[in-house]
Amino acid sequence: MHCLDLDPAALEIAERRVRSAGHDHVKFEQADITEHVPAGSYDAVIGRHILIHTPDAQAVLRKAVSIVHDGGVIAFQEYDLSWFPRGHPELPLMFQVEELIVEFFRRAVPKPNMGTQLFYLMREAGLPPPECRAESIMDGGPHSLIYEWLAETLITLSPRFQALGMTAMADMDSATLTQRLRQEAVDKGGVIMSPIMVGAFARKRNAT
């Protein structure tokens, strides 16, 4: 198994997790997949949250197809971060956080709706119609982890706001924001939804 990423920090985390699980059959390499030359054809190429950050997603998918043997699997999982499904009832603080996250990705990445584009892009790369699934977490109540996830996501992105012409919201402390989001949802009996995640996979057709 071969794991490629441009980010050395991500590779370090992945390798540490794999080794701690007792696996030693995975090779980690800092590389651009479009320039990668494998020793032989792969059984599968799998990517998660990669294409949304890629200037030319089509080139990555074509490369994936080219390095998989006939009958091999190409599978990708990507968010559509161009919008958030709205929970119910109105949750002003929650919706403000979601809108800031959406606006960030609209400005920061080439195609924030990459998940929704997967079916089309995989077809354009020469694959048969992929099997696709789209899902969203729908959660609420006092013990949900979604409040912390949203607060941490916003805080992680906020250092780049100024460079993108965005203004950060006041009171960005993680614990405080998490608690405010939780209290708003609990007080109103509201439900929160995550952005849509799309998974798509297809098998490479025989050349004949």
N, C-alpha and C. Protein backbone atom coordinates (compact mmCIF):
# COMPACT_ATOMS: atom_id res chain seq x y z
N MET A 1 0.85 -1.19 0.00
CA MET A 1 0.00 0.00 0.00
C MET A 1 0.89 1.24 0.00
N HIS A 2 0.50 2.23 -0.80
CA HIS A 2 1.31 3.43 -0.99
C HIS A 2 0.46 4.65 -0.66
N CYS A 3 0.93 5.50 0.24
CA CYS A 3 0.19 6.69 0.65
C CYS A 3 0.94 7.93 0.21
N LEU A 4 0.28 8.78 -0.60
CA LEU A 4 0.90 10.00 -1.12
C LEU A 4 0.19 11.23 -0.55
N ASP A 5 0.96 12.26 -0.24
CA ASP A 5 0.38 13.54 0.17
C ASP A 5 1.44 14.61 0.00
N LEU A 6 0.99 15.84 -0.27
CA LEU A 6 1.92 16.95 -0.38
C LEU A 6 2.32 17.50 0.99
N ASP A 7 1.52 17.24 1.99
CA ASP A 7 1.72 17.81 3.31
C ASP A 7 2.51 16.85 4.20
N PRO A 8 3.75 17.19 4.56
CA PRO A 8 4.54 16.27 5.40
C PRO A 8 3.93 16.05 6.78
N ALA A 9 3.26 17.07 7.31
CA ALA A 9 2.63 16.92 8.63
C ALA A 9 1.52 15.88 8.58
N ALA A 10 0.71 15.92 7.51
CA ALA A 10 -0.36 14.94 7.35
C ALA A 10 0.21 13.53 7.21
N LEU A 11 1.29 13.40 6.47
CA LEU A 11 1.92 12.10 6.30
C LEU A 11 2.46 11.57 7.63
N GLU A 12 3.03 12.47 8.42
CA GLU A 12 3.57 12.06 9.72
C GLU A 12 2.46 11.52 10.64
N ILE A 13 1.34 12.23 10.65
CA ILE A 13 0.21 11.78 11.48
C ILE A 13 -0.30 10.43 11.00
N ALA A 14 -0.47 10.31 9.66
CA ALA A 14 -0.97 9.06 9.10
C ALA A 14 -0.03 7.89 9.40
N GLU A 15 1.26 8.13 9.23
CA GLU A 15 2.22 7.06 9.48
C GLU A 15 2.22 6.66 10.95
N ARG A 16 2.13 7.62 11.83
CA ARG A 16 2.12 7.32 13.27
C ARG A 16 0.90 6.47 13.63
N ARG A 17 -0.25 6.81 13.05
CA ARG A 17 -1.47 6.04 13.34
C ARG A 17 -1.38 4.62 12.80
N VAL A 18 -0.84 4.49 11.60
CA VAL A 18 -0.72 3.16 10.99
C VAL A 18 0.25 2.29 11.79
N ARG A 19 1.38 2.86 12.17
CA ARG A 19 2.36 2.08 12.93
C ARG A 19 1.82 1.70 14.31
N SER A 20 1.09 2.63 14.95
CA SER A 20 0.55 2.34 16.28
C SER A 20 -0.50 1.23 16.22
N ALA A 21 -1.12 1.06 15.04
CA ALA A 21 -2.10 -0.02 14.86
C ALA A 21 -1.43 -1.35 14.52
N GLY A 22 -0.10 -1.33 14.41
CA GLY A 22 0.64 -2.58 14.19
C GLY A 22 0.81 -2.95 12.73
N HIS A 23 0.58 -2.01 11.80
CA HIS A 23 0.73 -2.31 10.38
C HIS A 23 2.09 -1.81 9.87
N ASP A 24 2.73 -2.59 9.05
CA ASP A 24 4.03 -2.19 8.51
C ASP A 24 4.10 -2.36 7.00
N HIS A 25 2.93 -2.48 6.35
CA HIS A 25 2.92 -2.72 4.92
C HIS A 25 2.60 -1.47 4.11
N VAL A 26 2.57 -0.30 4.78
CA VAL A 26 2.21 0.95 4.10
C VAL A 26 3.44 1.82 3.91
N LYS A 27 3.65 2.27 2.70
CA LYS A 27 4.74 3.18 2.39
C LYS A 27 4.20 4.59 2.28
N PHE A 28 4.87 5.56 2.90
CA PHE A 28 4.43 6.95 2.89
C PHE A 28 5.43 7.78 2.09
N GLU A 29 4.88 8.64 1.22
CA GLU A 29 5.75 9.44 0.35
C GLU A 29 5.16 10.83 0.13
N GLN A 30 5.98 11.85 0.32
CA GLN A 30 5.56 13.22 0.01
C GLN A 30 5.70 13.42 -1.50
N ALA A 31 4.57 13.53 -2.18
CA ALA A 31 4.61 13.60 -3.64
C ALA A 31 3.30 14.13 -4.18
N ASP A 32 3.35 14.66 -5.40
CA ASP A 32 2.17 15.07 -6.15
C ASP A 32 1.73 13.87 -6.99
N ILE A 33 0.49 13.46 -6.85
CA ILE A 33 0.03 12.28 -7.58
C ILE A 33 0.17 12.44 -9.09
N THR A 34 0.02 13.66 -9.59
CA THR A 34 0.11 13.86 -11.04
C THR A 34 1.52 13.61 -11.56
N GLU A 35 2.52 13.60 -10.67
CA GLU A 35 3.90 13.35 -11.07
C GLU A 35 4.40 11.98 -10.60
N HIS A 36 3.53 11.26 -9.92
CA HIS A 36 3.93 9.97 -9.36
C HIS A 36 4.05 8.91 -10.45
N VAL A 37 5.15 8.14 -10.40
CA VAL A 37 5.37 7.06 -11.35
C VAL A 37 5.45 5.75 -10.56
N PRO A 38 4.39 4.96 -10.55
CA PRO A 38 4.40 3.72 -9.75
C PRO A 38 5.24 2.63 -10.41
N ALA A 39 5.68 1.69 -9.59
CA ALA A 39 6.45 0.56 -10.11
C ALA A 39 5.57 -0.35 -10.96
N GLY A 40 4.28 -0.37 -10.67
CA GLY A 40 3.32 -1.17 -11.43
C GLY A 40 1.92 -0.63 -11.22
N SER A 41 0.96 -1.22 -11.89
CA SER A 41 -0.42 -0.74 -11.76
C SER A 41 -0.97 -1.07 -10.38
N TYR A 42 -1.81 -0.17 -9.88
CA TYR A 42 -2.43 -0.36 -8.57
C TYR A 42 -3.77 -1.08 -8.71
N ASP A 43 -4.18 -1.74 -7.62
CA ASP A 43 -5.51 -2.32 -7.56
C ASP A 43 -6.57 -1.24 -7.36
N ALA A 44 -6.20 -0.16 -6.66
CA ALA A 44 -7.16 0.90 -6.36
C ALA A 44 -6.42 2.20 -6.08
N VAL A 45 -7.07 3.31 -6.40
CA VAL A 45 -6.61 4.63 -5.97
C VAL A 45 -7.76 5.27 -5.20
N ILE A 46 -7.47 5.66 -3.97
CA ILE A 46 -8.50 6.20 -3.08
C ILE A 46 -8.05 7.56 -2.57
N GLY A 47 -8.92 8.55 -2.65
CA GLY A 47 -8.59 9.89 -2.16
C GLY A 47 -9.71 10.44 -1.30
N ARG A 48 -9.35 11.17 -0.26
CA ARG A 48 -10.34 11.74 0.66
C ARG A 48 -9.98 13.19 0.95
N HIS A 49 -10.88 14.09 0.60
CA HIS A 49 -10.68 15.53 0.81
C HIS A 49 -9.39 16.02 0.13
N ILE A 50 -9.14 15.53 -1.06
CA ILE A 50 -7.96 15.91 -1.83
C ILE A 50 -8.33 16.84 -2.98
N LEU A 51 -9.34 16.46 -3.74
CA LEU A 51 -9.67 17.19 -4.97
C LEU A 51 -10.14 18.61 -4.69
N ILE A 52 -10.77 18.86 -3.54
CA ILE A 52 -11.28 20.19 -3.24
C ILE A 52 -10.14 21.20 -3.13
N HIS A 53 -8.94 20.73 -2.82
CA HIS A 53 -7.78 21.62 -2.68
C HIS A 53 -6.92 21.66 -3.94
N THR A 54 -7.33 20.94 -4.97
CA THR A 54 -6.51 20.77 -6.17
C THR A 54 -6.94 21.72 -7.28
N PRO A 55 -6.00 22.49 -7.85
CA PRO A 55 -6.37 23.39 -8.94
C PRO A 55 -6.96 22.67 -10.16
N ASP A 56 -6.48 21.46 -10.45
CA ASP A 56 -6.96 20.72 -11.61
C ASP A 56 -7.39 19.32 -11.17
N ALA A 57 -8.60 19.22 -10.64
CA ALA A 57 -9.10 17.93 -10.16
C ALA A 57 -9.19 16.92 -11.29
N GLN A 58 -9.50 17.38 -12.49
CA GLN A 58 -9.62 16.46 -13.62
C GLN A 58 -8.30 15.78 -13.93
N ALA A 59 -7.19 16.51 -13.81
CA ALA A 59 -5.87 15.93 -14.05
C ALA A 59 -5.56 14.85 -13.02
N VAL A 60 -5.96 15.08 -11.78
CA VAL A 60 -5.73 14.08 -10.73
C VAL A 60 -6.54 12.81 -11.02
N LEU A 61 -7.78 12.97 -11.42
CA LEU A 61 -8.61 11.81 -11.71
C LEU A 61 -8.11 11.04 -12.93
N ARG A 62 -7.68 11.74 -13.94
CA ARG A 62 -7.13 11.05 -15.12
C ARG A 62 -5.86 10.28 -14.75
N LYS A 63 -5.06 10.87 -13.89
CA LYS A 63 -3.85 10.19 -13.44
C LYS A 63 -4.23 8.94 -12.65
N ALA A 64 -5.24 9.06 -11.80
CA ALA A 64 -5.70 7.91 -11.02
C ALA A 64 -6.12 6.78 -11.93
N VAL A 65 -6.86 7.10 -12.97
CA VAL A 65 -7.32 6.09 -13.92
C VAL A 65 -6.12 5.44 -14.62
N SER A 66 -5.12 6.24 -14.94
CA SER A 66 -3.98 5.72 -15.71
C SER A 66 -3.11 4.77 -14.91
N ILE A 67 -3.12 4.87 -13.58
CA ILE A 67 -2.22 4.03 -12.79
C ILE A 67 -2.93 2.85 -12.12
N VAL A 68 -4.20 2.67 -12.46
CA VAL A 68 -4.97 1.52 -11.96
C VAL A 68 -5.13 0.51 -13.10
N HIS A 69 -4.99 -0.77 -12.77
CA HIS A 69 -5.16 -1.78 -13.82
C HIS A 69 -6.63 -1.91 -14.20
N ASP A 70 -6.89 -2.52 -15.35
CA ASP A 70 -8.27 -2.74 -15.79
C ASP A 70 -9.04 -3.50 -14.72
N GLY A 71 -10.22 -2.99 -14.39
CA GLY A 71 -11.01 -3.59 -13.33
C GLY A 71 -10.70 -3.03 -11.95
N GLY A 72 -9.66 -2.20 -11.85
CA GLY A 72 -9.31 -1.60 -10.58
C GLY A 72 -10.28 -0.50 -10.17
N VAL A 73 -10.23 -0.13 -8.91
CA VAL A 73 -11.20 0.80 -8.32
C VAL A 73 -10.61 2.20 -8.17
N ILE A 74 -11.40 3.19 -8.52
CA ILE A 74 -11.09 4.59 -8.23
C ILE A 74 -12.20 5.11 -7.32
N ALA A 75 -11.84 5.58 -6.14
CA ALA A 75 -12.84 6.02 -5.16
C ALA A 75 -12.38 7.33 -4.52
N PHE A 76 -13.30 8.28 -4.45
CA PHE A 76 -13.00 9.57 -3.82
C PHE A 76 -14.15 9.97 -2.92
N GLN A 77 -13.81 10.69 -1.87
CA GLN A 77 -14.79 11.23 -0.93
C GLN A 77 -14.50 12.71 -0.74
N GLU A 78 -15.51 13.54 -1.00
CA GLU A 78 -15.32 14.99 -0.94
C GLU A 78 -16.57 15.66 -0.38
N TYR A 79 -16.34 16.76 0.34
CA TYR A 79 -17.45 17.60 0.79
C TYR A 79 -17.96 18.49 -0.35
N ASP A 80 -19.21 18.92 -0.23
CA ASP A 80 -19.70 20.09 -0.95
C ASP A 80 -19.77 21.20 0.10
N LEU A 81 -18.79 22.09 0.08
CA LEU A 81 -18.70 23.16 1.07
C LEU A 81 -19.16 24.50 0.50
N SER A 82 -19.95 24.45 -0.57
CA SER A 82 -20.50 25.68 -1.12
C SER A 82 -21.78 26.10 -0.40
N TRP A 83 -22.28 25.23 0.51
CA TRP A 83 -23.48 25.56 1.27
C TRP A 83 -23.60 24.59 2.45
N PHE A 84 -24.41 24.97 3.42
CA PHE A 84 -24.76 24.10 4.53
C PHE A 84 -26.26 23.84 4.48
N PRO A 85 -26.69 22.60 4.61
CA PRO A 85 -28.12 22.36 4.81
C PRO A 85 -28.54 23.02 6.14
N ARG A 86 -29.65 23.72 6.13
CA ARG A 86 -30.09 24.42 7.32
C ARG A 86 -30.87 23.51 8.25
N GLY A 87 -30.51 23.56 9.54
CA GLY A 87 -31.28 22.84 10.54
C GLY A 87 -32.55 23.61 10.86
N HIS A 88 -33.24 23.16 11.88
CA HIS A 88 -34.52 23.78 12.25
C HIS A 88 -34.69 23.69 13.76
N PRO A 89 -35.21 24.74 14.41
CA PRO A 89 -35.70 26.01 13.85
C PRO A 89 -34.52 26.97 13.61
N GLU A 90 -34.81 28.25 13.49
CA GLU A 90 -33.76 29.24 13.28
C GLU A 90 -32.78 29.24 14.45
N LEU A 91 -31.50 29.10 14.11
CA LEU A 91 -30.42 29.13 15.10
C LEU A 91 -29.41 30.17 14.62
N PRO A 92 -29.59 31.44 14.99
CA PRO A 92 -28.78 32.54 14.42
C PRO A 92 -27.28 32.36 14.58
N LEU A 93 -26.80 31.97 15.78
CA LEU A 93 -25.37 31.80 15.97
C LEU A 93 -24.85 30.64 15.13
N MET A 94 -25.56 29.54 15.14
CA MET A 94 -25.17 28.38 14.34
C MET A 94 -25.10 28.74 12.87
N PHE A 95 -26.11 29.43 12.38
CA PHE A 95 -26.13 29.80 10.96
C PHE A 95 -25.01 30.77 10.62
N GLN A 96 -24.65 31.65 11.57
CA GLN A 96 -23.53 32.58 11.33
C GLN A 96 -22.22 31.83 11.19
N VAL A 97 -21.99 30.85 12.06
CA VAL A 97 -20.78 30.04 11.98
C VAL A 97 -20.73 29.28 10.66
N GLU A 98 -21.84 28.70 10.27
CA GLU A 98 -21.89 27.94 9.03
C GLU A 98 -21.63 28.84 7.82
N GLU A 99 -22.19 30.04 7.82
CA GLU A 99 -22.00 30.95 6.70
C GLU A 99 -20.55 31.39 6.58
N LEU A 100 -19.87 31.59 7.71
CA LEU A 100 -18.46 31.96 7.67
C LEU A 100 -17.61 30.83 7.09
N ILE A 101 -17.92 29.59 7.48
CA ILE A 101 -17.19 28.45 6.94
C ILE A 101 -17.41 28.33 5.43
N VAL A 102 -18.66 28.49 5.00
CA VAL A 102 -18.98 28.43 3.58
C VAL A 102 -18.26 29.55 2.82
N GLU A 103 -18.30 30.76 3.35
CA GLU A 103 -17.67 31.88 2.66
C GLU A 103 -16.16 31.68 2.55
N PHE A 104 -15.57 31.11 3.57
CA PHE A 104 -14.14 30.82 3.52
C PHE A 104 -13.82 29.91 2.34
N PHE A 105 -14.54 28.81 2.22
CA PHE A 105 -14.24 27.85 1.15
C PHE A 105 -14.60 28.39 -0.22
N ARG A 106 -15.60 29.25 -0.30
CA ARG A 106 -15.92 29.89 -1.58
C ARG A 106 -14.74 30.72 -2.08
N ARG A 107 -14.00 31.32 -1.14
CA ARG A 107 -12.87 32.18 -1.51
C ARG A 107 -11.54 31.43 -1.57
N ALA A 108 -11.42 30.36 -0.80
CA ALA A 108 -10.10 29.74 -0.60
C ALA A 108 -9.77 28.60 -1.54
N VAL A 109 -10.77 27.91 -2.08
CA VAL A 109 -10.49 26.74 -2.91
C VAL A 109 -11.09 26.91 -4.30
N PRO A 110 -10.54 26.21 -5.29
CA PRO A 110 -11.03 26.37 -6.67
C PRO A 110 -12.49 25.97 -6.85
N LYS A 111 -12.89 24.85 -6.25
CA LYS A 111 -14.24 24.33 -6.44
C LYS A 111 -14.80 23.85 -5.09
N PRO A 112 -15.42 24.76 -4.34
CA PRO A 112 -15.93 24.35 -3.02
C PRO A 112 -17.02 23.28 -3.10
N ASN A 113 -17.68 23.15 -4.24
CA ASN A 113 -18.72 22.12 -4.39
C ASN A 113 -18.17 20.85 -5.05
N MET A 114 -16.92 20.52 -4.74
CA MET A 114 -16.26 19.38 -5.38
C MET A 114 -17.06 18.09 -5.21
N GLY A 115 -17.64 17.87 -4.04
CA GLY A 115 -18.39 16.64 -3.83
C GLY A 115 -19.50 16.45 -4.85
N THR A 116 -20.22 17.53 -5.13
CA THR A 116 -21.32 17.46 -6.10
C THR A 116 -20.81 17.24 -7.52
N GLN A 117 -19.57 17.63 -7.78
CA GLN A 117 -19.01 17.48 -9.13
C GLN A 117 -18.40 16.11 -9.39
N LEU A 118 -18.30 15.28 -8.36
CA LEU A 118 -17.59 14.01 -8.52
C LEU A 118 -18.14 13.13 -9.64
N PHE A 119 -19.45 12.99 -9.70
CA PHE A 119 -20.04 12.13 -10.74
C PHE A 119 -19.60 12.58 -12.12
N TYR A 120 -19.76 13.88 -12.39
CA TYR A 120 -19.40 14.43 -13.71
C TYR A 120 -17.90 14.28 -13.98
N LEU A 121 -17.07 14.64 -13.01
CA LEU A 121 -15.62 14.63 -13.23
C LEU A 121 -15.08 13.23 -13.43
N MET A 122 -15.64 12.26 -12.73
CA MET A 122 -15.17 10.89 -12.91
C MET A 122 -15.58 10.35 -14.28
N ARG A 123 -16.74 10.73 -14.75
CA ARG A 123 -17.15 10.36 -16.11
C ARG A 123 -16.22 11.00 -17.14
N GLU A 124 -15.89 12.27 -16.93
CA GLU A 124 -15.00 12.97 -17.86
C GLU A 124 -13.60 12.37 -17.87
N ALA A 125 -13.21 11.72 -16.78
CA ALA A 125 -11.90 11.08 -16.70
C ALA A 125 -11.87 9.72 -17.39
N GLY A 126 -13.00 9.31 -17.97
CA GLY A 126 -13.06 8.07 -18.72
C GLY A 126 -13.61 6.88 -17.95
N LEU A 127 -14.21 7.13 -16.80
CA LEU A 127 -14.78 6.05 -16.01
C LEU A 127 -16.26 5.84 -16.34
N PRO A 128 -16.78 4.65 -16.09
CA PRO A 128 -18.22 4.45 -16.21
C PRO A 128 -18.94 5.24 -15.12
N PRO A 129 -20.26 5.39 -15.22
CA PRO A 129 -20.98 6.15 -14.19
C PRO A 129 -20.67 5.61 -12.79
N PRO A 130 -20.11 6.44 -11.91
CA PRO A 130 -19.75 5.95 -10.58
C PRO A 130 -20.97 5.75 -9.69
N GLU A 131 -20.82 4.88 -8.73
CA GLU A 131 -21.83 4.77 -7.67
C GLU A 131 -21.54 5.86 -6.65
N CYS A 132 -22.57 6.65 -6.34
CA CYS A 132 -22.39 7.81 -5.47
C CYS A 132 -23.37 7.78 -4.31
N ARG A 133 -22.92 8.29 -3.18
CA ARG A 133 -23.78 8.48 -2.02
C ARG A 133 -23.46 9.84 -1.42
N ALA A 134 -24.51 10.55 -1.03
CA ALA A 134 -24.35 11.83 -0.36
C ALA A 134 -25.00 11.74 1.01
N GLU A 135 -24.30 12.21 2.03
CA GLU A 135 -24.86 12.13 3.37
C GLU A 135 -24.47 13.34 4.20
N SER A 136 -25.28 13.60 5.21
CA SER A 136 -25.05 14.71 6.13
C SER A 136 -25.38 14.24 7.54
N ILE A 137 -24.55 14.64 8.49
CA ILE A 137 -24.87 14.38 9.89
C ILE A 137 -26.00 15.32 10.31
N MET A 138 -26.98 14.80 11.00
CA MET A 138 -28.10 15.59 11.51
C MET A 138 -28.19 15.29 13.00
N ASP A 139 -27.87 16.30 13.84
CA ASP A 139 -27.70 16.00 15.25
C ASP A 139 -28.07 17.20 16.11
N GLY A 140 -28.20 16.97 17.38
CA GLY A 140 -28.55 18.03 18.33
C GLY A 140 -28.53 17.48 19.74
N GLY A 141 -29.17 18.20 20.65
CA GLY A 141 -29.19 17.75 22.04
C GLY A 141 -27.95 18.19 22.79
N PRO A 142 -27.93 17.98 24.08
CA PRO A 142 -26.85 18.50 24.91
C PRO A 142 -25.52 17.78 24.77
N HIS A 143 -25.51 16.56 24.24
CA HIS A 143 -24.27 15.78 24.23
C HIS A 143 -23.66 15.61 22.84
N SER A 144 -24.20 16.27 21.84
CA SER A 144 -23.68 16.13 20.48
C SER A 144 -22.27 16.70 20.37
N LEU A 145 -21.45 16.08 19.54
CA LEU A 145 -20.10 16.56 19.28
C LEU A 145 -20.05 17.58 18.14
N ILE A 146 -21.20 17.82 17.50
CA ILE A 146 -21.19 18.68 16.32
C ILE A 146 -20.88 20.13 16.67
N TYR A 147 -21.21 20.56 17.89
CA TYR A 147 -20.92 21.94 18.30
C TYR A 147 -19.41 22.18 18.35
N GLU A 148 -18.71 21.24 18.95
CA GLU A 148 -17.25 21.38 19.04
C GLU A 148 -16.62 21.29 17.66
N TRP A 149 -17.15 20.41 16.82
CA TRP A 149 -16.61 20.27 15.45
C TRP A 149 -16.73 21.58 14.69
N LEU A 150 -17.89 22.23 14.77
CA LEU A 150 -18.10 23.48 14.06
C LEU A 150 -17.23 24.59 14.63
N ALA A 151 -17.16 24.69 15.96
CA ALA A 151 -16.35 25.73 16.59
C ALA A 151 -14.88 25.56 16.24
N GLU A 152 -14.36 24.34 16.32
CA GLU A 152 -12.96 24.09 16.02
C GLU A 152 -12.65 24.32 14.55
N THR A 153 -13.59 23.96 13.68
CA THR A 153 -13.39 24.20 12.25
C THR A 153 -13.24 25.69 11.98
N LEU A 154 -14.15 26.49 12.52
CA LEU A 154 -14.10 27.93 12.29
C LEU A 154 -12.82 28.54 12.85
N ILE A 155 -12.42 28.15 14.04
CA ILE A 155 -11.22 28.70 14.66
C ILE A 155 -9.97 28.30 13.89
N THR A 156 -9.94 27.07 13.39
CA THR A 156 -8.79 26.62 12.59
C THR A 156 -8.65 27.43 11.30
N LEU A 157 -9.78 27.80 10.69
CA LEU A 157 -9.74 28.55 9.44
C LEU A 157 -9.48 30.04 9.65
N SER A 158 -9.81 30.57 10.81
CA SER A 158 -9.84 32.02 11.02
C SER A 158 -8.51 32.75 10.79
N PRO A 159 -7.33 32.14 11.03
CA PRO A 159 -6.10 32.88 10.74
C PRO A 159 -5.95 33.32 9.28
N ARG A 160 -6.69 32.68 8.39
CA ARG A 160 -6.59 33.04 6.96
C ARG A 160 -7.68 34.02 6.52
N PHE A 161 -8.56 34.40 7.44
CA PHE A 161 -9.68 35.27 7.08
C PHE A 161 -9.21 36.60 6.49
N GLN A 162 -8.27 37.24 7.16
CA GLN A 162 -7.85 38.57 6.73
C GLN A 162 -7.29 38.56 5.31
N ALA A 163 -6.47 37.57 5.01
CA ALA A 163 -5.89 37.46 3.67
C ALA A 163 -6.96 37.27 2.60
N LEU A 164 -8.10 36.71 2.99
CA LEU A 164 -9.20 36.47 2.05
C LEU A 164 -10.24 37.59 2.07
N GLY A 165 -9.96 38.66 2.83
CA GLY A 165 -10.89 39.78 2.90
C GLY A 165 -12.09 39.51 3.77
N MET A 166 -11.96 38.60 4.74
CA MET A 166 -13.06 38.25 5.63
C MET A 166 -12.82 38.80 7.03
N THR A 167 -13.88 39.00 7.77
CA THR A 167 -13.81 39.46 9.14
C THR A 167 -14.22 38.35 10.08
N ALA A 168 -13.38 38.06 11.05
CA ALA A 168 -13.69 37.01 12.02
C ALA A 168 -14.78 37.49 12.97
N MET A 169 -15.58 36.58 13.47
CA MET A 169 -16.61 36.93 14.44
C MET A 169 -15.97 37.14 15.81
N ALA A 170 -16.65 37.89 16.66
CA ALA A 170 -16.16 38.14 18.01
C ALA A 170 -16.25 36.88 18.85
N ASP A 171 -15.43 36.83 19.89
CA ASP A 171 -15.45 35.72 20.85
C ASP A 171 -15.22 34.39 20.15
N MET A 172 -13.98 34.20 19.71
CA MET A 172 -13.64 32.99 18.97
C MET A 172 -12.98 31.93 19.85
N ASP A 173 -13.07 32.09 21.16
CA ASP A 173 -12.54 31.06 22.05
C ASP A 173 -13.30 29.76 21.82
N SER A 174 -12.56 28.66 21.68
CA SER A 174 -13.18 27.39 21.31
C SER A 174 -14.21 26.92 22.34
N ALA A 175 -13.81 26.92 23.61
CA ALA A 175 -14.73 26.41 24.64
C ALA A 175 -15.97 27.28 24.74
N THR A 176 -15.78 28.61 24.67
CA THR A 176 -16.91 29.52 24.79
C THR A 176 -17.86 29.39 23.61
N LEU A 177 -17.29 29.35 22.39
CA LEU A 177 -18.14 29.23 21.20
C LEU A 177 -18.87 27.89 21.18
N THR A 178 -18.18 26.83 21.55
CA THR A 178 -18.83 25.51 21.61
C THR A 178 -20.02 25.54 22.56
N GLN A 179 -19.82 26.15 23.74
CA GLN A 179 -20.89 26.19 24.72
C GLN A 179 -22.06 27.05 24.25
N ARG A 180 -21.77 28.16 23.58
CA ARG A 180 -22.84 29.03 23.08
C ARG A 180 -23.65 28.33 22.01
N LEU A 181 -22.97 27.59 21.12
CA LEU A 181 -23.67 26.83 20.08
C LEU A 181 -24.56 25.76 20.70
N ARG A 182 -24.02 25.06 21.69
CA ARG A 182 -24.79 24.01 22.36
C ARG A 182 -26.01 24.60 23.08
N GLN A 183 -25.80 25.71 23.79
CA GLN A 183 -26.89 26.30 24.56
C GLN A 183 -28.01 26.78 23.65
N GLU A 184 -27.64 27.41 22.52
CA GLU A 184 -28.64 27.88 21.57
C GLU A 184 -29.49 26.73 21.05
N ALA A 185 -28.82 25.64 20.67
CA ALA A 185 -29.54 24.49 20.10
C ALA A 185 -30.43 23.82 21.15
N VAL A 186 -29.90 23.67 22.35
CA VAL A 186 -30.67 23.00 23.41
C VAL A 186 -31.87 23.85 23.82
N ASP A 187 -31.67 25.17 23.95
CA ASP A 187 -32.76 26.04 24.35
C ASP A 187 -33.92 26.02 23.36
N LYS A 188 -33.57 25.89 22.07
CA LYS A 188 -34.60 25.92 21.04
C LYS A 188 -35.02 24.54 20.56
N GLY A 189 -34.40 23.51 21.12
CA GLY A 189 -34.72 22.16 20.66
C GLY A 189 -34.34 21.95 19.21
N GLY A 190 -33.27 22.62 18.78
CA GLY A 190 -32.92 22.63 17.36
C GLY A 190 -32.03 21.47 16.92
N VAL A 191 -32.03 21.24 15.63
CA VAL A 191 -31.19 20.22 15.03
C VAL A 191 -30.19 20.91 14.10
N ILE A 192 -28.97 20.38 14.04
CA ILE A 192 -27.90 20.94 13.23
C ILE A 192 -27.52 19.93 12.17
N MET A 193 -27.19 20.42 11.00
CA MET A 193 -26.78 19.54 9.91
C MET A 193 -25.38 19.90 9.43
N SER A 194 -24.61 18.90 9.10
CA SER A 194 -23.26 19.10 8.58
C SER A 194 -23.33 19.34 7.07
N PRO A 195 -22.23 19.84 6.46
CA PRO A 195 -22.21 19.92 5.00
C PRO A 195 -22.32 18.53 4.38
N ILE A 196 -22.75 18.49 3.14
CA ILE A 196 -22.93 17.22 2.43
C ILE A 196 -21.57 16.59 2.11
N MET A 197 -21.45 15.31 2.41
CA MET A 197 -20.27 14.54 2.04
C MET A 197 -20.67 13.55 0.94
N VAL A 198 -19.92 13.56 -0.15
CA VAL A 198 -20.21 12.67 -1.27
C VAL A 198 -19.09 11.63 -1.40
N GLY A 199 -19.48 10.39 -1.51
CA GLY A 199 -18.55 9.32 -1.82
C GLY A 199 -18.89 8.75 -3.18
N ALA A 200 -17.88 8.51 -4.01
CA ALA A 200 -18.10 7.99 -5.36
C ALA A 200 -17.02 6.97 -5.70
N PHE A 201 -17.42 5.85 -6.33
CA PHE A 201 -16.41 4.91 -6.79
C PHE A 201 -16.85 4.27 -8.09
N ALA A 202 -15.86 3.88 -8.85
CA ALA A 202 -16.11 3.22 -10.14
C ALA A 202 -14.94 2.29 -10.44
N ARG A 203 -15.17 1.32 -11.32
CA ARG A 203 -14.12 0.42 -11.78
C ARG A 203 -13.68 0.80 -13.18
N LYS A 204 -12.39 0.78 -13.38
CA LYS A 204 -11.85 1.07 -14.70
C LYS A 204 -12.24 -0.02 -15.69
N ARG A 205 -12.78 0.41 -16.81
CA ARG A 205 -13.17 -0.56 -17.84
C ARG A 205 -11.94 -1.15 -18.52
N ASN A 206 -12.11 -2.37 -19.02
CA ASN A 206 -11.06 -2.96 -19.84
C ASN A 206 -10.80 -2.12 -21.07
N ALA A 207 -9.54 -2.03 -21.45
CA ALA A 207 -9.18 -1.22 -22.60
C ALA A 207 -9.86 -1.69 -23.88
N THR A 208 -10.17 -2.98 -23.95
CA THR A 208 -10.83 -3.51 -25.14
C THR A 208 -12.31 -3.20 -25.11
